[in-house]
Amino acid sequence: MSLPKGVINCVGDCRISAHKQQEGSSLDDQDKIVRNFAISKGWNVLKVFSKVYSGRAEERGDFQEILDYINEQKRDGIQVHYYIVKAID
Protein backbone atom coordinates (compact mmCIF):
# COMPACT_ATOMS: atom_id res chain seq x y z
CA MET A 1 0.00 0.00 0.00
CA SER A 2 1.45 3.36 -0.86
CA LEU A 3 0.08 6.71 0.15
CA PRO A 4 -0.31 9.76 -2.09
CA LYS A 5 2.86 11.79 -2.68
CA GLY A 6 3.21 14.81 -0.45
CA VAL A 7 1.72 13.08 2.60
CA ILE A 8 3.86 13.54 5.71
CA ASN A 9 3.84 10.34 7.75
CA CYS A 10 4.82 9.84 11.34
CA VAL A 11 4.88 7.26 14.10
CA GLY A 12 4.36 7.95 17.77
CA ASP A 13 5.93 6.43 20.86
CA CYS A 14 4.20 6.50 24.24
CA ARG A 15 6.11 5.27 27.26
CA ILE A 16 5.24 5.36 30.90
CA SER A 17 6.58 3.85 34.09
CA ALA A 18 4.29 2.33 36.66
CA HIS A 19 5.41 5.14 39.01
CA LYS A 20 4.42 7.91 36.55
CA GLN A 21 1.07 6.25 35.94
CA GLN A 22 0.33 6.62 39.64
CA GLU A 23 1.09 10.35 39.35
CA GLY A 24 -1.83 10.85 36.95
CA SER A 25 -0.09 10.51 33.59
CA SER A 26 -1.23 7.73 31.28
CA LEU A 27 -0.59 6.12 27.94
CA ASP A 28 -3.97 7.38 26.75
CA ASP A 29 -2.97 10.96 27.61
CA GLN A 30 0.29 10.60 25.69
CA ASP A 31 -1.48 8.99 22.73
CA LYS A 32 -3.85 11.96 22.53
CA ILE A 33 -0.96 14.43 22.76
CA VAL A 34 0.99 12.65 20.01
CA ARG A 35 -2.03 12.40 17.71
CA ASN A 36 -3.16 15.99 18.33
CA PHE A 37 0.34 17.26 17.61
CA ALA A 38 0.45 15.34 14.32
CA ILE A 39 -3.02 16.58 13.35
CA SER A 40 -2.01 20.17 14.14
CA LYS A 41 0.85 19.78 11.64
CA GLY A 42 -1.32 18.05 9.03
CA TRP A 43 0.64 14.80 9.34
CA ASN A 44 -0.65 11.26 8.87
CA VAL A 45 -0.18 8.98 11.91
CA LEU A 46 0.73 5.51 10.71
CA LYS A 47 1.00 3.92 14.14
CA VAL A 48 1.43 4.79 17.81
CA PHE A 49 3.48 2.40 19.93
CA SER A 50 2.73 2.12 23.66
CA LYS A 51 4.73 0.54 26.46
CA VAL A 52 4.59 0.44 30.26
CA TYR A 53 7.91 0.04 32.08
CA SER A 54 7.96 -1.24 35.60
CA GLY A 55 11.41 0.16 36.33
CA ARG A 56 14.59 1.52 34.85
CA ALA A 57 15.43 -0.12 31.54
CA GLU A 58 18.88 0.39 30.05
CA GLU A 59 18.07 -1.32 26.77
CA ARG A 60 14.58 -1.02 25.42
CA GLY A 61 13.80 -3.67 22.82
CA ASP A 62 10.65 -1.87 21.77
CA PHE A 63 12.75 0.84 20.09
CA GLN A 64 14.10 -1.83 17.74
CA GLU A 65 10.48 -2.82 17.07
CA ILE A 66 9.77 0.78 16.03
CA LEU A 67 12.83 0.86 13.75
CA ASP A 68 11.78 -2.45 12.20
CA TYR A 69 8.30 -1.02 11.55
CA ILE A 70 9.77 2.08 9.90
CA ASN A 71 12.02 -0.07 7.70
CA GLU A 72 9.07 -2.30 6.79
CA GLN A 73 7.11 0.77 5.71
CA LYS A 74 10.06 1.92 3.62
CA ARG A 75 10.22 -1.46 1.86
CA ASP A 76 6.51 -1.04 1.08
CA GLY A 77 7.15 2.39 -0.43
CA ILE A 78 5.88 4.39 2.54
CA GLN A 79 8.25 6.94 4.04
CA VAL A 80 8.08 7.74 7.74
CA HIS A 81 9.15 11.36 8.09
CA TYR A 82 8.83 11.92 11.83
CA TYR A 83 9.03 10.02 15.12
CA ILE A 84 7.00 11.74 17.85
CA VAL A 85 7.37 11.36 21.61
CA LYS A 86 5.80 13.46 24.36
CA ALA A 87 9.06 13.81 26.28
CA ILE A 88 12.50 12.23 26.37
CA ASP A 89 12.91 12.17 30.14
C-alpha atoms as a PDB file:
ATOM      1  CA  MET A   1       0.000   0.000   0.000  1.00  0.00           C
ATOM      2  CA  SER A   2       1.448   3.356  -0.861  1.00  0.00           C
ATOM      3  CA  LEU A   3       0.079   6.713   0.147  1.00  0.00           C
ATOM      4  CA  PRO A   4      -0.308   9.760  -2.088  1.00  0.00           C
ATOM      5  CA  LYS A   5       2.857  11.789  -2.675  1.00  0.00           C
ATOM      6  CA  GLY A   6       3.209  14.809  -0.453  1.00  0.00           C
ATOM      7  CA  VAL A   7       1.724  13.081   2.596  1.00  0.00           C
ATOM      8  CA  ILE A   8       3.865  13.536   5.709  1.00  0.00           C
ATOM      9  CA  ASN A   9       3.836  10.336   7.746  1.00  0.00           C
ATOM     10  CA  CYS A  10       4.821   9.837  11.342  1.00  0.00           C
ATOM     11  CA  VAL A  11       4.875   7.257  14.103  1.00  0.00           C
ATOM     12  CA  GLY A  12       4.357   7.946  17.774  1.00  0.00           C
ATOM     13  CA  ASP A  13       5.927   6.433  20.856  1.00  0.00           C
ATOM     14  CA  CYS A  14       4.199   6.502  24.242  1.00  0.00           C
ATOM     15  CA  ARG A  15       6.106   5.265  27.258  1.00  0.00           C
ATOM     16  CA  ILE A  16       5.239   5.365  30.905  1.00  0.00           C
ATOM     17  CA  SER A  17       6.583   3.854  34.087  1.00  0.00           C
ATOM     18  CA  ALA A  18       4.290   2.329  36.659  1.00  0.00           C
ATOM     19  CA  HIS A  19       5.410   5.142  39.006  1.00  0.00           C
ATOM     20  CA  LYS A  20       4.416   7.913  36.549  1.00  0.00           C
ATOM     21  CA  GLN A  21       1.068   6.248  35.937  1.00  0.00           C
ATOM     22  CA  GLN A  22       0.333   6.619  39.642  1.00  0.00           C
ATOM     23  CA  GLU A  23       1.087  10.350  39.345  1.00  0.00           C
ATOM     24  CA  GLY A  24      -1.828  10.849  36.951  1.00  0.00           C
ATOM     25  CA  SER A  25      -0.093  10.505  33.588  1.00  0.00           C
ATOM     26  CA  SER A  26      -1.230   7.734  31.281  1.00  0.00           C
ATOM     27  CA  LEU A  27      -0.585   6.120  27.939  1.00  0.00           C
ATOM     28  CA  ASP A  28      -3.973   7.381  26.750  1.00  0.00           C
ATOM     29  CA  ASP A  29      -2.969  10.959  27.606  1.00  0.00           C
ATOM     30  CA  GLN A  30       0.294  10.597  25.694  1.00  0.00           C
ATOM     31  CA  ASP A  31      -1.480   8.991  22.734  1.00  0.00           C
ATOM     32  CA  LYS A  32      -3.850  11.962  22.529  1.00  0.00           C
ATOM     33  CA  ILE A  33      -0.959  14.432  22.765  1.00  0.00           C
ATOM     34  CA  VAL A  34       0.990  12.654  20.011  1.00  0.00           C
ATOM     35  CA  ARG A  35      -2.035  12.395  17.707  1.00  0.00           C
ATOM     36  CA  ASN A  36      -3.160  15.986  18.326  1.00  0.00           C
ATOM     37  CA  PHE A  37       0.340  17.265  17.610  1.00  0.00           C
ATOM     38  CA  ALA A  38       0.450  15.341  14.325  1.00  0.00           C
ATOM     39  CA  ILE A  39      -3.020  16.578  13.348  1.00  0.00           C
ATOM     40  CA  SER A  40      -2.009  20.173  14.136  1.00  0.00           C
ATOM     41  CA  LYS A  41       0.845  19.783  11.636  1.00  0.00           C
ATOM     42  CA  GLY A  42      -1.316  18.046   9.028  1.00  0.00           C
ATOM     43  CA  TRP A  43       0.638  14.798   9.343  1.00  0.00           C
ATOM     44  CA  ASN A  44      -0.650  11.256   8.872  1.00  0.00           C
ATOM     45  CA  VAL A  45      -0.178   8.985  11.911  1.00  0.00           C
ATOM     46  CA  LEU A  46       0.726   5.512  10.709  1.00  0.00           C
ATOM     47  CA  LYS A  47       1.004   3.916  14.136  1.00  0.00           C
ATOM     48  CA  VAL A  48       1.425   4.795  17.812  1.00  0.00           C
ATOM     49  CA  PHE A  49       3.476   2.404  19.926  1.00  0.00           C
ATOM     50  CA  SER A  50       2.728   2.117  23.658  1.00  0.00           C
ATOM     51  CA  LYS A  51       4.730   0.537  26.457  1.00  0.00           C
ATOM     52  CA  VAL A  52       4.592   0.439  30.259  1.00  0.00           C
ATOM     53  CA  TYR A  53       7.906   0.042  32.077  1.00  0.00           C
ATOM     54  CA  SER A  54       7.963  -1.239  35.604  1.00  0.00           C
ATOM     55  CA  GLY A  55      11.405   0.161  36.332  1.00  0.00           C
ATOM     56  CA  ARG A  56      14.594   1.516  34.849  1.00  0.00           C
ATOM     57  CA  ALA A  57      15.432  -0.122  31.535  1.00  0.00           C
ATOM     58  CA  GLU A  58      18.876   0.389  30.053  1.00  0.00           C
ATOM     59  CA  GLU A  59      18.067  -1.323  26.766  1.00  0.00           C
ATOM     60  CA  ARG A  60      14.583  -1.015  25.417  1.00  0.00           C
ATOM     61  CA  GLY A  61      13.804  -3.665  22.818  1.00  0.00           C
ATOM     62  CA  ASP A  62      10.655  -1.866  21.769  1.00  0.00           C
ATOM     63  CA  PHE A  63      12.754   0.839  20.094  1.00  0.00           C
ATOM     64  CA  GLN A  64      14.099  -1.827  17.738  1.00  0.00           C
ATOM     65  CA  GLU A  65      10.483  -2.818  17.070  1.00  0.00           C
ATOM     66  CA  ILE A  66       9.769   0.782  16.025  1.00  0.00           C
ATOM     67  CA  LEU A  67      12.827   0.860  13.753  1.00  0.00           C
ATOM     68  CA  ASP A  68      11.775  -2.454  12.200  1.00  0.00           C
ATOM     69  CA  TYR A  69       8.302  -1.023  11.552  1.00  0.00           C
ATOM     70  CA  ILE A  70       9.773   2.084   9.904  1.00  0.00           C
ATOM     71  CA  ASN A  71      12.017  -0.067   7.703  1.00  0.00           C
ATOM     72  CA  GLU A  72       9.069  -2.299   6.791  1.00  0.00           C
ATOM     73  CA  GLN A  73       7.112   0.769   5.709  1.00  0.00           C
ATOM     74  CA  LYS A  74      10.063   1.916   3.625  1.00  0.00           C
ATOM     75  CA  ARG A  75      10.219  -1.460   1.863  1.00  0.00           C
ATOM     76  CA  ASP A  76       6.509  -1.041   1.078  1.00  0.00           C
ATOM     77  CA  GLY A  77       7.155   2.392  -0.433  1.00  0.00           C
ATOM     78  CA  ILE A  78       5.882   4.395   2.541  1.00  0.00           C
ATOM     79  CA  GLN A  79       8.249   6.936   4.043  1.00  0.00           C
ATOM     80  CA  VAL A  80       8.079   7.740   7.739  1.00  0.00           C
ATOM     81  CA  HIS A  81       9.149  11.357   8.087  1.00  0.00           C
ATOM     82  CA  TYR A  82       8.831  11.923  11.830  1.00  0.00           C
ATOM     83  CA  TYR A  83       9.031  10.025  15.118  1.00  0.00           C
ATOM     84  CA  ILE A  84       6.997  11.740  17.848  1.00  0.00           C
ATOM     85  CA  VAL A  85       7.370  11.362  21.608  1.00  0.00           C
ATOM     86  CA  LYS A  86       5.803  13.459  24.359  1.00  0.00           C
ATOM     87  CA  ALA A  87       9.060  13.812  26.280  1.00  0.00           C
ATOM     88  CA  ILE A  88      12.495  12.232  26.367  1.00  0.00           C
ATOM     89  CA  ASP A  89      12.913  12.174  30.139  1.00  0.00           C
END
